[in-house]
Amino acid sequence: MLNRIDLWIEKDISHFNVFVGIILIIFILSTITIVFLNYKLGKKDERKNLIQLKVSKVVCIFLIVFLCFYLLTAENDLTYEKLYLTLGISLSLFSGAIACIYYYVRERFF
């Protein structure tokens, strides 16, 4: 599967730019979301610490699962290995942002 993505990226420079742009947008939006919702949760107390630990747990679990998947499926002849690892970090931050939104909504409205 990664070979298909690798071939698609190598086909044209605009494909590479689109892939990097998508990764960058996911990374920036996820980071902004997590920082903003941490600010909206208020001062640091036990409740906020618990939410931050839950979000950190989601990020770490997703990153471990992605790295295991990557190590099991990646082949030796990949050209853009670092780009795939950056994608994994961006997706783990995205999962953390989703978890942060979930806990924020649950805290505020329920």
Protein backbone atom coordinates (compact mmCIF):
# COMPACT_ATOMS: atom_id res chain seq x y z
CA MET A 1 0.00 0.00 0.00
CA LEU A 2 2.80 2.43 0.81
CA ASN A 3 4.41 1.58 -2.51
CA ARG A 4 1.33 2.89 -4.33
CA ILE A 5 1.48 6.15 -2.41
CA ASP A 6 5.22 6.33 -3.04
CA LEU A 7 4.71 5.87 -6.79
CA TRP A 8 1.93 8.46 -6.81
CA ILE A 9 4.16 11.00 -5.04
CA GLU A 10 7.07 10.33 -7.42
CA LYS A 11 4.88 10.76 -10.49
CA ASP A 12 4.68 14.56 -10.28
CA ILE A 13 6.02 17.31 -8.04
CA SER A 14 2.49 18.66 -7.52
CA HIS A 15 1.49 15.31 -5.99
CA PHE A 16 4.35 15.69 -3.51
CA ASN A 17 3.27 19.24 -2.70
CA VAL A 18 -0.35 18.17 -2.18
CA PHE A 19 0.71 15.37 0.16
CA VAL A 20 2.97 17.66 2.19
CA GLY A 21 0.26 20.34 2.25
CA ILE A 22 -2.33 17.91 3.60
CA ILE A 23 0.06 16.74 6.30
CA LEU A 24 0.88 20.33 7.25
CA ILE A 25 -2.79 21.38 7.40
CA ILE A 26 -3.68 18.41 9.60
CA PHE A 27 -0.73 19.17 11.89
CA ILE A 28 -1.45 22.89 12.25
CA LEU A 29 -5.22 22.55 12.74
CA SER A 30 -4.78 19.77 15.29
CA THR A 31 -2.22 21.74 17.26
CA ILE A 32 -4.36 24.89 17.24
CA THR A 33 -7.43 22.89 18.34
CA ILE A 34 -5.62 21.24 21.24
CA VAL A 35 -4.07 24.51 22.45
CA PHE A 36 -7.34 26.44 22.11
CA LEU A 37 -9.40 23.85 23.98
CA ASN A 38 -6.79 23.61 26.73
CA TYR A 39 -7.14 27.37 27.11
CA LYS A 40 -10.95 27.12 27.14
CA LEU A 41 -10.92 24.44 29.85
CA GLY A 42 -9.73 27.02 32.35
CA LYS A 43 -7.17 27.05 35.11
CA LYS A 44 -5.05 24.04 35.90
CA ASP A 45 -6.74 21.72 38.35
CA GLU A 46 -7.46 18.00 38.78
CA ARG A 47 -10.25 18.03 36.18
CA LYS A 48 -8.06 19.62 33.50
CA ASN A 49 -5.14 17.34 34.35
CA LEU A 50 -7.38 14.29 33.91
CA ILE A 51 -8.57 15.50 30.50
CA GLN A 52 -4.98 16.24 29.41
CA LEU A 53 -3.89 12.76 30.48
CA LYS A 54 -6.75 11.16 28.54
CA VAL A 55 -5.88 13.15 25.41
CA SER A 56 -2.18 12.27 25.80
CA LYS A 57 -3.12 8.61 26.16
CA VAL A 58 -5.11 8.72 22.91
CA VAL A 59 -2.21 10.37 21.07
CA CYS A 60 0.34 7.86 22.37
CA ILE A 61 -1.83 4.82 21.62
CA PHE A 62 -2.53 6.03 18.08
CA LEU A 63 1.15 6.74 17.49
CA ILE A 64 2.17 3.28 18.75
CA VAL A 65 -0.47 1.61 16.56
CA PHE A 66 0.63 3.63 13.53
CA LEU A 67 4.31 2.83 14.09
CA CYS A 68 3.55 -0.89 14.44
CA PHE A 69 1.49 -0.77 11.25
CA TYR A 70 4.25 1.14 9.49
CA LEU A 71 6.97 -1.26 10.59
CA LEU A 72 4.93 -4.30 9.53
CA THR A 73 3.92 -2.97 6.11
CA ALA A 74 6.84 -0.77 5.01
CA GLU A 75 9.27 -2.16 2.50
CA ASN A 76 12.94 -1.33 2.06
CA ASP A 77 12.64 0.55 -1.23
CA LEU A 78 10.45 3.43 -0.03
CA THR A 79 11.67 6.85 -1.09
CA TYR A 80 9.69 9.06 1.28
CA GLU A 81 10.00 7.25 4.61
CA LYS A 82 10.30 10.41 6.68
CA LEU A 83 7.18 11.82 5.06
CA TYR A 84 5.18 8.77 6.15
CA LEU A 85 6.46 9.12 9.72
CA THR A 86 5.46 12.79 9.68
CA LEU A 87 2.03 11.69 8.47
CA GLY A 88 1.79 9.34 11.45
CA ILE A 89 2.66 12.11 13.88
CA SER A 90 0.10 14.42 12.26
CA LEU A 91 -2.61 11.77 12.39
CA SER A 92 -1.86 11.03 16.04
CA LEU A 93 -2.21 14.74 16.84
CA PHE A 94 -5.47 14.74 14.86
CA SER A 95 -6.78 11.88 16.98
CA GLY A 96 -5.76 13.86 20.07
CA ALA A 97 -7.65 16.89 18.78
CA ILE A 98 -10.77 14.77 18.26
CA ALA A 99 -10.42 13.36 21.77
CA CYS A 100 -9.93 16.88 23.16
CA ILE A 101 -13.10 18.07 21.40
CA TYR A 102 -15.00 15.06 22.75
CA TYR A 103 -13.91 15.63 26.34
CA TYR A 104 -14.52 19.38 26.09
CA VAL A 105 -18.07 18.90 24.78
CA ARG A 106 -18.76 16.23 27.37
CA GLU A 107 -17.45 18.49 30.13
CA ARG A 108 -19.36 21.59 29.05
CA PHE A 109 -22.71 20.27 27.88
CA PHE A 110 -23.34 16.99 29.69
